[in-house]
Each structure stands twice: as C-alpha cells, then as structure tokens.
C-alpha cells in the first residue's frame, strides 16, 4: 500500500497546501479545481492525497477512496 497516495488530508492540511484559511475559501478552491471532498460531523473538509493529485494533475477520478 502506498500510504502517501491514500493519506487523508484534513482542512488544516488543505489550508496549508492552498493558502486559504477560511473553510468557505477552501471549499471554493476545491470546487474550482475539481478536488472532490467530503465533510465531517462538524463540517470540516476531508479528502485524500490521491484525489488532490488527480484533480491538480488533470487525471479523472470519480471516487474518494478511504482505505
């Protein structure tokens, strides 16, 4: 298993990566760049490294895989 590709990215990780601090701005960034995500119980954003890579590199992926 490649742990880098399946690693979960939380809202703080995404904030550090894209530079936005507010949840709404992070969501907007994700939507604009095709980064599929889900939200936790309290609305915090979650995705995976593989989904982020696929969106940024222009690869097609319709599923978020949590393994």
N, C-alpha and C. Protein backbone atom coordinates (compact mmCIF):
# COMPACT_ATOMS: atom_id res chain seq x y z
N UNK A 1 0.84 -1.18 0.00
CA UNK A 1 0.00 0.00 0.00
C UNK A 1 0.88 1.24 0.00
N UNK A 2 0.55 2.19 -0.84
CA UNK A 2 1.27 3.46 -0.91
C UNK A 2 0.60 4.45 0.03
N UNK A 3 1.14 4.66 1.21
CA UNK A 3 0.49 5.49 2.22
C UNK A 3 0.43 6.96 1.83
N UNK A 4 1.33 7.43 0.98
CA UNK A 4 1.28 8.82 0.55
C UNK A 4 0.05 9.05 -0.30
N UNK A 5 -0.25 8.16 -1.22
CA UNK A 5 -1.39 8.31 -2.12
C UNK A 5 -2.72 8.15 -1.40
N UNK A 6 -2.79 7.36 -0.34
CA UNK A 6 -4.05 7.12 0.34
C UNK A 6 -4.20 7.95 1.61
N UNK A 7 -3.26 8.81 1.87
CA UNK A 7 -3.29 9.61 3.09
C UNK A 7 -4.49 10.55 3.08
N UNK A 8 -5.14 10.64 4.22
CA UNK A 8 -6.24 11.60 4.37
C UNK A 8 -5.67 13.00 4.53
N UNK A 9 -6.32 13.94 3.92
CA UNK A 9 -5.97 15.35 4.09
C UNK A 9 -7.13 16.03 4.77
N UNK A 10 -6.87 16.66 5.90
CA UNK A 10 -7.93 17.37 6.59
C UNK A 10 -7.91 18.85 6.21
N UNK A 11 -8.79 19.58 6.80
CA UNK A 11 -8.93 21.00 6.47
C UNK A 11 -7.64 21.78 6.72
N UNK A 12 -6.94 21.45 7.79
CA UNK A 12 -5.68 22.13 8.09
C UNK A 12 -4.64 21.83 7.02
N UNK A 13 -4.56 20.57 6.59
CA UNK A 13 -3.63 20.20 5.52
C UNK A 13 -3.94 20.97 4.24
N UNK A 14 -5.22 21.02 3.88
CA UNK A 14 -5.62 21.74 2.67
C UNK A 14 -5.33 23.23 2.79
N UNK A 15 -5.55 23.77 3.98
CA UNK A 15 -5.27 25.19 4.22
C UNK A 15 -3.79 25.49 4.01
N UNK A 16 -2.94 24.64 4.56
CA UNK A 16 -1.50 24.81 4.37
C UNK A 16 -1.11 24.67 2.91
N UNK A 17 -1.76 23.77 2.22
CA UNK A 17 -1.42 23.50 0.83
C UNK A 17 -1.87 24.61 -0.11
N UNK A 18 -3.13 25.08 0.04
CA UNK A 18 -3.65 26.06 -0.92
C UNK A 18 -3.50 27.51 -0.45
N UNK A 19 -3.24 27.70 0.85
CA UNK A 19 -3.00 29.05 1.36
C UNK A 19 -4.23 29.76 1.89
N UNK A 20 -5.39 29.15 1.77
CA UNK A 20 -6.61 29.77 2.30
C UNK A 20 -6.84 29.31 3.73
N UNK A 21 -7.37 30.19 4.55
CA UNK A 21 -7.60 29.87 5.96
C UNK A 21 -9.06 29.58 6.27
N UNK A 22 -9.97 30.29 5.61
CA UNK A 22 -11.39 30.12 5.91
C UNK A 22 -11.96 28.90 5.19
N UNK A 23 -12.83 28.18 5.89
CA UNK A 23 -13.44 26.97 5.35
C UNK A 23 -14.12 27.23 4.01
N UNK A 24 -14.86 28.30 3.91
CA UNK A 24 -15.56 28.62 2.67
C UNK A 24 -14.60 28.82 1.51
N UNK A 25 -13.47 29.45 1.77
CA UNK A 25 -12.47 29.67 0.73
C UNK A 25 -11.82 28.36 0.30
N UNK A 26 -11.59 27.47 1.28
CA UNK A 26 -11.00 26.16 0.96
C UNK A 26 -11.99 25.35 0.12
N UNK A 27 -13.27 25.37 0.49
CA UNK A 27 -14.29 24.67 -0.30
C UNK A 27 -14.35 25.22 -1.71
N UNK A 28 -14.32 26.53 -1.85
CA UNK A 28 -14.36 27.16 -3.17
C UNK A 28 -13.15 26.74 -4.01
N UNK A 29 -11.97 26.74 -3.40
CA UNK A 29 -10.77 26.30 -4.09
C UNK A 29 -10.94 24.86 -4.58
N UNK A 30 -11.42 23.99 -3.70
CA UNK A 30 -11.60 22.59 -4.07
C UNK A 30 -12.58 22.45 -5.23
N UNK A 31 -13.70 23.13 -5.15
CA UNK A 31 -14.69 23.05 -6.23
C UNK A 31 -14.13 23.58 -7.55
N UNK A 32 -13.46 24.72 -7.49
CA UNK A 32 -12.92 25.33 -8.70
C UNK A 32 -11.85 24.48 -9.37
N UNK A 33 -11.15 23.67 -8.56
CA UNK A 33 -10.07 22.85 -9.10
C UNK A 33 -10.45 21.37 -9.22
N UNK A 34 -11.72 21.06 -9.01
CA UNK A 34 -12.20 19.69 -9.18
C UNK A 34 -11.73 18.71 -8.13
N UNK A 35 -11.41 19.22 -6.94
CA UNK A 35 -10.97 18.36 -5.84
C UNK A 35 -12.22 17.88 -5.10
N UNK A 36 -12.53 16.61 -5.24
CA UNK A 36 -13.69 16.04 -4.55
C UNK A 36 -13.36 15.92 -3.07
N UNK A 37 -14.35 16.22 -2.24
CA UNK A 37 -14.13 16.16 -0.79
C UNK A 37 -15.42 15.78 -0.10
N UNK A 38 -15.30 15.43 1.14
CA UNK A 38 -16.45 15.17 1.99
C UNK A 38 -16.29 16.02 3.24
N UNK A 39 -17.32 16.10 4.04
CA UNK A 39 -17.23 16.87 5.28
C UNK A 39 -17.54 15.96 6.46
N UNK A 40 -16.87 16.24 7.55
CA UNK A 40 -17.10 15.50 8.78
C UNK A 40 -18.31 16.03 9.52
N UNK A 41 -18.56 15.47 10.68
CA UNK A 41 -19.71 15.81 11.51
C UNK A 41 -19.83 17.30 11.76
N UNK A 42 -18.73 17.94 11.98
CA UNK A 42 -18.75 19.37 12.28
C UNK A 42 -18.49 20.25 11.06
N UNK A 43 -18.57 19.66 9.86
CA UNK A 43 -18.40 20.42 8.63
C UNK A 43 -16.97 20.56 8.15
N UNK A 44 -16.03 19.95 8.85
CA UNK A 44 -14.63 20.03 8.42
C UNK A 44 -14.41 19.22 7.16
N UNK A 45 -13.57 19.75 6.29
CA UNK A 45 -13.32 19.18 4.98
C UNK A 45 -12.29 18.05 5.06
N UNK A 46 -12.57 16.96 4.34
CA UNK A 46 -11.66 15.82 4.24
C UNK A 46 -11.56 15.39 2.78
N UNK A 47 -10.37 15.02 2.37
CA UNK A 47 -10.16 14.40 1.06
C UNK A 47 -8.93 13.50 1.18
N UNK A 48 -8.46 13.01 0.07
CA UNK A 48 -7.25 12.19 0.10
C UNK A 48 -6.18 12.81 -0.80
N UNK A 49 -4.96 12.42 -0.56
CA UNK A 49 -3.86 12.90 -1.39
C UNK A 49 -4.06 12.48 -2.84
N UNK A 50 -4.56 11.26 -3.05
CA UNK A 50 -4.77 10.76 -4.41
C UNK A 50 -5.79 11.61 -5.16
N UNK A 51 -6.87 12.00 -4.48
CA UNK A 51 -7.90 12.83 -5.12
C UNK A 51 -7.33 14.21 -5.45
N UNK A 52 -6.59 14.79 -4.54
CA UNK A 52 -5.97 16.09 -4.78
C UNK A 52 -5.00 16.02 -5.96
N UNK A 53 -4.15 15.00 -5.97
CA UNK A 53 -3.20 14.83 -7.06
C UNK A 53 -3.91 14.68 -8.40
N UNK A 54 -4.96 13.85 -8.43
CA UNK A 54 -5.69 13.62 -9.68
C UNK A 54 -6.31 14.91 -10.19
N UNK A 55 -6.88 15.70 -9.30
CA UNK A 55 -7.52 16.96 -9.72
C UNK A 55 -6.49 17.95 -10.23
N UNK A 56 -5.41 18.11 -9.52
CA UNK A 56 -4.39 19.10 -9.90
C UNK A 56 -3.65 18.66 -11.17
N UNK A 57 -3.43 17.35 -11.32
CA UNK A 57 -2.70 16.85 -12.48
C UNK A 57 -3.62 16.58 -13.67
N UNK A 58 -4.93 16.79 -13.50
CA UNK A 58 -5.88 16.62 -14.58
C UNK A 58 -6.28 15.19 -14.86
N UNK A 59 -6.08 14.31 -13.90
CA UNK A 59 -6.48 12.92 -14.06
C UNK A 59 -7.93 12.76 -13.62
N UNK A 60 -8.63 11.83 -14.21
CA UNK A 60 -10.05 11.61 -13.91
C UNK A 60 -10.19 10.61 -12.76
N UNK A 61 -10.98 10.99 -11.76
CA UNK A 61 -11.28 10.10 -10.66
C UNK A 61 -12.65 10.49 -10.12
N UNK A 62 -13.58 9.54 -10.09
CA UNK A 62 -14.93 9.82 -9.65
C UNK A 62 -15.19 9.42 -8.21
N UNK A 63 -14.24 8.78 -7.57
CA UNK A 63 -14.45 8.28 -6.24
C UNK A 63 -13.36 8.74 -5.29
N UNK A 64 -13.76 8.94 -4.05
CA UNK A 64 -12.79 9.16 -2.98
C UNK A 64 -12.63 7.80 -2.31
N UNK A 65 -11.42 7.30 -2.28
CA UNK A 65 -11.16 6.01 -1.67
C UNK A 65 -10.56 6.21 -0.29
N UNK A 66 -11.25 5.71 0.72
CA UNK A 66 -10.74 5.73 2.08
C UNK A 66 -10.39 4.31 2.44
N UNK A 67 -9.09 4.03 2.54
CA UNK A 67 -8.64 2.67 2.86
C UNK A 67 -7.90 2.64 4.16
